[in-house]
Amino acid sequence: MKVLMWVATSKFGKSVRLTGKIWSDKILKEHPEFSLRPEYIEELRKVIENPEYIVEGWQQELLALRWCEVAPENPKYLCVVYREYENEGFIITAFFISKYGKLLRRKIRWPKQIL
């Protein structure tokens, strides 16, 4: 049974879920820096709910990016990879990156609104 950690609403109005299985078996195993601070779980939610950019991946996934002040070592961008279907979505993985320029060469699905 998959334990639901949280559900966030994406910029496209879809409910995106993070399960305990993805958090522990995928994200923490592949990117152990996420185990350094418990607040990283909530940072992932912030990225889904209020990203700076959302770009298309290569296999119908979306990559949401947001600046993360509490990143390990130096502040970096947090990239959350997720997939959306008609009514819902789910997190695939997440990682920190220092530069996002190459990602912005992909099709941008959502830019942050500048007020």
C-alpha atoms as a PDB file:
ATOM      1  CA  MET A   1       0.000   0.000   0.000  1.00  0.00           C
ATOM      2  CA  LYS A   2       1.296   3.434  -0.928  1.00  0.00           C
ATOM      3  CA  VAL A   3       1.243   6.014   1.845  1.00  0.00           C
ATOM      4  CA  LEU A   4       0.170   9.439   0.623  1.00  0.00           C
ATOM      5  CA  MET A   5       2.487  12.172   1.934  1.00  0.00           C
ATOM      6  CA  TRP A   6       0.714  15.148   0.363  1.00  0.00           C
ATOM      7  CA  VAL A   7      -1.333  16.361  -2.584  1.00  0.00           C
ATOM      8  CA  ALA A   8      -0.622  19.708  -4.241  1.00  0.00           C
ATOM      9  CA  THR A   9      -2.501  21.576  -6.967  1.00  0.00           C
ATOM     10  CA  SER A  10      -0.416  22.281 -10.061  1.00  0.00           C
ATOM     11  CA  LYS A  11      -0.599  25.456 -12.137  1.00  0.00           C
ATOM     12  CA  PHE A  12      -2.802  23.492 -14.544  1.00  0.00           C
ATOM     13  CA  GLY A  13      -5.344  22.690 -11.826  1.00  0.00           C
ATOM     14  CA  LYS A  14      -4.409  19.014 -11.401  1.00  0.00           C
ATOM     15  CA  SER A  15      -3.962  17.259  -8.054  1.00  0.00           C
ATOM     16  CA  VAL A  16      -0.352  16.038  -7.936  1.00  0.00           C
ATOM     17  CA  ARG A  17       0.524  13.490  -5.265  1.00  0.00           C
ATOM     18  CA  LEU A  18       3.733  12.487  -3.523  1.00  0.00           C
ATOM     19  CA  THR A  19       3.707   8.987  -2.037  1.00  0.00           C
ATOM     20  CA  GLY A  20       5.998   7.623   0.645  1.00  0.00           C
ATOM     21  CA  LYS A  21       7.204   4.984  -1.813  1.00  0.00           C
ATOM     22  CA  ILE A  22       8.421   7.574  -4.337  1.00  0.00           C
ATOM     23  CA  TRP A  23       9.951   9.688  -1.548  1.00  0.00           C
ATOM     24  CA  SER A  24      11.887   6.827   0.076  1.00  0.00           C
ATOM     25  CA  ASP A  25      12.498   4.388  -2.790  1.00  0.00           C
ATOM     26  CA  LYS A  26      13.196   6.877  -5.551  1.00  0.00           C
ATOM     27  CA  ILE A  27      14.062  10.391  -4.388  1.00  0.00           C
ATOM     28  CA  LEU A  28      16.028   9.598  -1.210  1.00  0.00           C
ATOM     29  CA  LYS A  29      17.912   6.685  -2.807  1.00  0.00           C
ATOM     30  CA  GLU A  30      18.922   8.591  -5.930  1.00  0.00           C
ATOM     31  CA  HIS A  31      19.440  11.968  -4.236  1.00  0.00           C
ATOM     32  CA  PRO A  32      20.435  11.420  -0.578  1.00  0.00           C
ATOM     33  CA  GLU A  33      20.880  15.166  -0.017  1.00  0.00           C
ATOM     34  CA  PHE A  34      17.095  15.313   0.465  1.00  0.00           C
ATOM     35  CA  SER A  35      17.507  13.390   3.730  1.00  0.00           C
ATOM     36  CA  LEU A  36      19.486  16.297   5.241  1.00  0.00           C
ATOM     37  CA  ARG A  37      16.416  18.406   6.032  1.00  0.00           C
ATOM     38  CA  PRO A  38      12.840  17.297   6.666  1.00  0.00           C
ATOM     39  CA  GLU A  39      11.512  20.538   5.152  1.00  0.00           C
ATOM     40  CA  TYR A  40      12.540  19.371   1.677  1.00  0.00           C
ATOM     41  CA  ILE A  41       9.280  17.411   1.497  1.00  0.00           C
ATOM     42  CA  GLU A  42       7.390  20.712   1.742  1.00  0.00           C
ATOM     43  CA  GLU A  43       9.785  22.406  -0.698  1.00  0.00           C
ATOM     44  CA  LEU A  44       8.668  19.899  -3.338  1.00  0.00           C
ATOM     45  CA  ARG A  45       5.065  20.918  -2.733  1.00  0.00           C
ATOM     46  CA  LYS A  46       5.992  24.610  -3.123  1.00  0.00           C
ATOM     47  CA  VAL A  47       7.620  23.877  -6.469  1.00  0.00           C
ATOM     48  CA  ILE A  48       4.463  22.165  -7.770  1.00  0.00           C
ATOM     49  CA  GLU A  49       2.139  24.888  -6.461  1.00  0.00           C
ATOM     50  CA  ASN A  50       4.233  27.946  -7.312  1.00  0.00           C
ATOM     51  CA  PRO A  51       7.032  27.224  -9.804  1.00  0.00           C
ATOM     52  CA  GLU A  52       9.069  29.796 -11.645  1.00  0.00           C
ATOM     53  CA  TYR A  53       8.935  27.662 -14.786  1.00  0.00           C
ATOM     54  CA  ILE A  54       7.346  24.465 -16.020  1.00  0.00           C
ATOM     55  CA  VAL A  55       8.972  22.839 -19.056  1.00  0.00           C
ATOM     56  CA  GLU A  56       8.167  19.698 -21.001  1.00  0.00           C
ATOM     57  CA  GLY A  57      10.276  16.585 -20.549  1.00  0.00           C
ATOM     58  CA  TRP A  58      11.164  14.060 -23.221  1.00  0.00           C
ATOM     59  CA  GLN A  59       8.525  11.454 -22.265  1.00  0.00           C
ATOM     60  CA  GLN A  60       5.375  13.492 -21.522  1.00  0.00           C
ATOM     61  CA  GLU A  61       6.535  14.447 -18.037  1.00  0.00           C
ATOM     62  CA  LEU A  62       6.742  18.014 -16.765  1.00  0.00           C
ATOM     63  CA  LEU A  63       9.672  19.631 -14.965  1.00  0.00           C
ATOM     64  CA  ALA A  64       8.790  22.341 -12.458  1.00  0.00           C
ATOM     65  CA  LEU A  65      11.603  24.672 -11.317  1.00  0.00           C
ATOM     66  CA  ARG A  66      11.869  26.998  -8.356  1.00  0.00           C
ATOM     67  CA  TRP A  67      14.721  28.716  -6.514  1.00  0.00           C
ATOM     68  CA  CYS A  68      15.426  26.981  -3.201  1.00  0.00           C
ATOM     69  CA  GLU A  69      17.231  28.954  -0.483  1.00  0.00           C
ATOM     70  CA  VAL A  70      17.517  25.901   1.779  1.00  0.00           C
ATOM     71  CA  ALA A  71      19.322  23.739  -0.792  1.00  0.00           C
ATOM     72  CA  PRO A  72      22.361  21.777   0.406  1.00  0.00           C
ATOM     73  CA  GLU A  73      25.681  23.648   0.185  1.00  0.00           C
ATOM     74  CA  ASN A  74      24.560  26.689  -1.843  1.00  0.00           C
ATOM     75  CA  PRO A  75      21.118  27.919  -2.847  1.00  0.00           C
ATOM     76  CA  LYS A  76      20.066  26.133  -6.030  1.00  0.00           C
ATOM     77  CA  TYR A  77      17.054  25.435  -8.151  1.00  0.00           C
ATOM     78  CA  LEU A  78      14.849  22.556  -7.134  1.00  0.00           C
ATOM     79  CA  CYS A  79      13.524  20.589 -10.102  1.00  0.00           C
ATOM     80  CA  VAL A  80      10.475  18.387  -9.535  1.00  0.00           C
ATOM     81  CA  VAL A  81       9.660  15.936 -12.314  1.00  0.00           C
ATOM     82  CA  TYR A  82       6.022  14.902 -12.460  1.00  0.00           C
ATOM     83  CA  ARG A  83       3.350  13.642 -14.811  1.00  0.00           C
ATOM     84  CA  GLU A  84      -0.219  14.844 -15.215  1.00  0.00           C
ATOM     85  CA  TYR A  85      -3.201  12.971 -16.598  1.00  0.00           C
ATOM     86  CA  GLU A  86      -6.794  14.154 -17.110  1.00  0.00           C
ATOM     87  CA  ASN A  87      -7.673  14.658 -13.458  1.00  0.00           C
ATOM     88  CA  GLU A  88      -4.535  13.948 -11.448  1.00  0.00           C
ATOM     89  CA  GLY A  89      -0.784  13.647 -11.444  1.00  0.00           C
ATOM     90  CA  PHE A  90       2.129  12.219  -9.495  1.00  0.00           C
ATOM     91  CA  ILE A  91       5.745  13.022  -8.645  1.00  0.00           C
ATOM     92  CA  ILE A  92       8.365  10.954 -10.484  1.00  0.00           C
ATOM     93  CA  THR A  93      11.550  12.349  -8.923  1.00  0.00           C
ATOM     94  CA  ALA A  94      13.231  15.565  -7.780  1.00  0.00           C
ATOM     95  CA  PHE A  95      16.758  16.959  -7.748  1.00  0.00           C
ATOM     96  CA  PHE A  96      18.751  20.142  -7.218  1.00  0.00           C
ATOM     97  CA  ILE A  97      20.432  21.939 -10.121  1.00  0.00           C
ATOM     98  CA  SER A  98      22.646  25.013 -10.164  1.00  0.00           C
ATOM     99  CA  LYS A  99      21.861  26.082 -13.742  1.00  0.00           C
ATOM    100  CA  TYR A 100      18.620  25.679 -15.631  1.00  0.00           C
ATOM    101  CA  GLY A 101      19.428  27.322 -18.976  1.00  0.00           C
ATOM    102  CA  LYS A 102      19.434  24.070 -20.955  1.00  0.00           C
ATOM    103  CA  LEU A 103      16.051  23.116 -19.518  1.00  0.00           C
ATOM    104  CA  LEU A 104      14.568  26.388 -20.764  1.00  0.00           C
ATOM    105  CA  ARG A 105      15.477  25.406 -24.333  1.00  0.00           C
ATOM    106  CA  ARG A 106      12.664  22.878 -24.090  1.00  0.00           C
ATOM    107  CA  LYS A 107       9.048  23.874 -24.594  1.00  0.00           C
ATOM    108  CA  ILE A 108       8.057  26.155 -21.712  1.00  0.00           C
ATOM    109  CA  ARG A 109       4.549  25.333 -20.510  1.00  0.00           C
ATOM    110  CA  TRP A 110       4.273  27.901 -17.758  1.00  0.00           C
ATOM    111  CA  PRO A 111       6.291  31.040 -16.958  1.00  0.00           C
ATOM    112  CA  LYS A 112       5.983  32.747 -13.610  1.00  0.00           C
ATOM    113  CA  GLN A 113       3.868  35.879 -13.869  1.00  0.00           C
ATOM    114  CA  ILE A 114       5.795  39.061 -13.133  1.00  0.00           C
ATOM    115  CA  LEU A 115       3.723  41.625 -11.265  1.00  0.00           C
END
